[in-house]
Protein backbone atom coordinates (compact mmCIF):
# COMPACT_ATOMS: atom_id res chain seq x y z
CA MET A 1 -20.85 -3.13 -21.02
CA TRP A 2 -18.51 -0.12 -20.18
CA CYS A 3 -16.53 1.22 -23.05
CA ASN A 4 -13.25 2.69 -22.06
CA THR A 5 -9.46 2.14 -22.40
CA MET A 6 -7.66 -0.70 -20.87
CA SER A 7 -6.07 1.60 -18.51
CA SER A 8 -9.27 2.23 -16.70
CA HIS A 9 -8.84 -1.36 -15.08
CA SER A 10 -7.81 0.38 -11.70
CA GLU A 11 -11.02 1.82 -11.28
CA LEU A 12 -12.49 -1.62 -11.07
CA LEU A 13 -10.11 -3.50 -8.88
CA ASN A 14 -12.09 -3.30 -5.71
CA MET A 15 -15.24 -4.02 -7.35
CA ALA A 16 -17.42 -6.77 -5.81
CA ASP A 17 -18.55 -8.20 -9.13
CA ASP A 18 -16.38 -10.37 -11.65
CA TRP A 19 -15.30 -8.59 -14.68
CA GLY A 20 -13.29 -9.05 -17.69
CA PHE A 21 -11.82 -7.20 -20.46
CA VAL A 22 -13.08 -7.73 -24.21
CA LEU A 23 -12.30 -5.99 -27.47
CA PHE A 24 -14.92 -3.84 -28.88
CA PRO A 25 -17.47 -6.06 -30.81
CA ARG A 26 -16.73 -6.04 -34.59
CA GLY A 27 -19.58 -5.22 -37.36
CA PRO A 28 -21.13 -7.63 -39.55
CA ASN A 29 -18.74 -6.62 -42.54
CA VAL A 30 -15.49 -6.84 -40.82
CA SER A 31 -13.66 -10.12 -40.69
CA VAL A 32 -10.78 -9.25 -38.05
CA PHE A 33 -11.10 -7.41 -34.89
CA ARG A 34 -9.04 -4.17 -34.79
CA THR A 35 -7.51 -2.40 -32.02
CA TYR A 36 -6.76 1.32 -31.67
CA THR A 37 -4.25 2.63 -29.48
CA LEU A 38 -3.27 6.03 -28.36
CA GLU A 39 -0.31 7.27 -30.25
CA ALA A 40 2.42 8.27 -28.08
CA LEU A 41 5.02 9.79 -30.41
CA GLN A 42 8.73 9.64 -29.12
CA VAL A 43 10.84 12.39 -30.36
CA ILE A 44 14.44 13.34 -30.12
CA PRO A 45 15.23 17.00 -30.81
CA SER A 46 17.22 17.72 -33.72
CA LYS A 47 19.95 19.72 -31.54
CA TYR A 48 21.36 16.22 -30.76
CA SER A 49 23.82 14.66 -33.02
CA ARG A 50 23.22 11.52 -34.66
CA GLU A 51 25.64 9.66 -32.37
CA GLU A 52 23.77 10.99 -29.22
CA ALA A 53 20.34 10.33 -30.95
CA GLU A 54 21.48 6.51 -31.33
CA LYS A 55 22.53 6.45 -27.44
CA PHE A 56 19.05 7.70 -26.61
CA ILE A 57 17.49 5.06 -28.76
CA TYR A 58 19.75 2.38 -27.36
CA ALA A 59 18.88 3.31 -23.86
CA TYR A 60 15.19 3.49 -24.53
CA LYS A 61 15.22 0.02 -26.16
CA LEU A 62 17.04 -1.31 -23.13
CA TRP A 63 14.50 0.31 -20.60
CA PHE A 64 11.65 -1.48 -22.64
CA THR A 65 13.21 -4.81 -23.19
CA PRO A 66 11.97 -7.74 -20.85
CA VAL A 67 14.50 -9.12 -18.39
CA ASP A 68 12.80 -12.34 -18.37
CA ASN A 69 13.42 -14.40 -21.61
CA ASP A 70 10.11 -16.23 -21.12
CA PRO A 71 8.14 -14.91 -24.12
CA GLU A 72 4.81 -15.10 -21.91
CA ALA A 73 6.37 -13.40 -18.89
CA TRP A 74 4.55 -10.03 -19.70
CA LYS A 75 1.24 -11.58 -18.75
CA ASP A 76 2.26 -11.80 -15.14
CA TRP A 77 1.84 -8.02 -14.68
CA TYR A 78 -1.79 -8.45 -16.21
CA TYR A 79 -2.92 -11.42 -14.29
CA ALA A 80 -2.33 -9.50 -11.10
CA ARG A 81 -4.79 -6.83 -12.40
CA PHE A 82 -7.42 -8.50 -14.21
CA ARG A 83 -9.68 -11.33 -12.45
CA ASP A 84 -10.33 -13.10 -15.68
CA ALA A 85 -7.34 -14.97 -17.42
CA ARG A 86 -8.97 -14.78 -20.59
CA SER A 87 -8.97 -11.26 -20.68
CA VAL A 88 -5.07 -11.67 -20.54
CA ASP A 89 -4.82 -14.67 -22.81
CA GLU A 90 -7.18 -13.37 -25.35
CA SER A 91 -8.00 -9.76 -25.51
CA ILE A 92 -4.75 -8.45 -24.14
CA THR A 93 -2.73 -10.84 -26.44
CA MET A 94 -4.62 -9.44 -29.50
CA LEU A 95 -3.92 -5.82 -28.29
CA ARG A 96 -0.30 -6.43 -28.06
CA ASP A 97 -0.26 -7.99 -31.86
CA GLN A 98 -0.60 -4.68 -33.48
CA ARG A 99 0.77 -5.98 -36.84
CA ARG A 100 -2.13 -8.22 -37.15
CA TYR A 101 -4.92 -6.16 -34.91
CA GLY A 102 -3.59 -2.68 -34.97
CA GLN A 103 -5.35 0.29 -36.64
CA LEU A 104 -4.36 3.66 -37.05
CA SER A 105 -6.75 6.08 -35.37
CA TYR A 106 -7.64 8.36 -38.31
CA HIS A 107 -9.98 10.64 -36.06
CA MET A 108 -6.73 12.28 -34.88
CA TYR A 109 -6.14 13.70 -38.54
CA VAL A 110 -9.85 15.47 -38.58
CA PRO A 111 -9.72 18.83 -37.17
CA GLY A 112 -12.50 19.33 -34.46
CA LEU A 113 -13.77 15.47 -34.56
CA VAL A 114 -14.21 14.44 -30.85
CA HIS A 115 -14.65 10.69 -30.86
CA GLY A 116 -16.21 10.99 -27.43
CA ASP A 117 -19.14 12.27 -29.17
CA ILE A 118 -20.01 8.62 -29.19
CA GLY A 119 -17.81 7.02 -26.70
CA TRP A 120 -18.84 9.27 -23.76
CA LYS A 121 -22.48 9.41 -24.44
CA ILE A 122 -22.93 5.78 -24.88
CA PHE A 123 -22.92 5.29 -21.10
CA ASP A 124 -26.31 7.27 -21.04
CA ALA A 125 -28.66 4.41 -20.52
CA ASP A 126 -31.46 6.19 -22.40
CA VAL A 127 -29.29 6.40 -25.71
CA GLU A 128 -29.33 3.44 -28.39
CA ALA A 129 -25.98 3.42 -30.14
CA ALA A 130 -27.49 3.49 -33.73
CA ARG A 131 -29.52 6.42 -32.65
CA LEU A 132 -26.48 8.28 -31.20
CA VAL A 133 -24.45 7.46 -34.33
CA GLU A 134 -27.31 8.85 -36.45
CA SER A 135 -27.44 12.00 -34.40
CA ILE A 136 -23.80 12.85 -34.74
CA ALA A 137 -23.52 11.68 -38.45
CA PRO A 138 -24.08 15.01 -40.14
CA ALA A 139 -21.71 16.84 -37.85
CA TRP A 140 -19.02 14.30 -38.28
CA GLN A 141 -19.64 14.23 -42.07
CA ALA A 142 -19.21 18.01 -42.31
CA LEU A 143 -15.94 17.71 -40.48
CA LEU A 144 -14.80 15.00 -42.88
CA ASP A 145 -15.73 16.95 -45.91
CA ASP A 146 -13.72 20.12 -44.60
CA ALA A 147 -10.73 17.72 -43.82
CA ASN A 148 -10.94 16.29 -47.11
CA ALA A 149 -11.04 19.66 -48.97
CA MET A 150 -7.77 20.97 -47.30
CA LYS A 151 -4.68 20.84 -49.48
């Protein structure tokens, strides 16, 4: 299993082996899968009038509105890039349903917390996930305690 973002699919396009895309496994106390997205904040500077800002928003919505009225048309782009149709029909469909499966990435609000402490090190074949989590837990707890103490 390779833990990475969906955007890394381009690194696998020429791989000889078949591959798919799944959501990260959920724990035993979790009933619903959760997806985390990278927050891409869109901002209109305050120097623009309300009317100008509304025009920007209108243009932005037009840019991201599908031309095809088929509600499944969005899948075509993914089918061309993922070998396993289930990756599109199940996993990516769930990723797109942010109301049901989406979760805010709270780590962004904890100064100094680097989620790569787990994500990047998990690639090391000699590291068990449970031991890795145990090894960074004290440092993360200290960061959380500091963040919670801020007013």
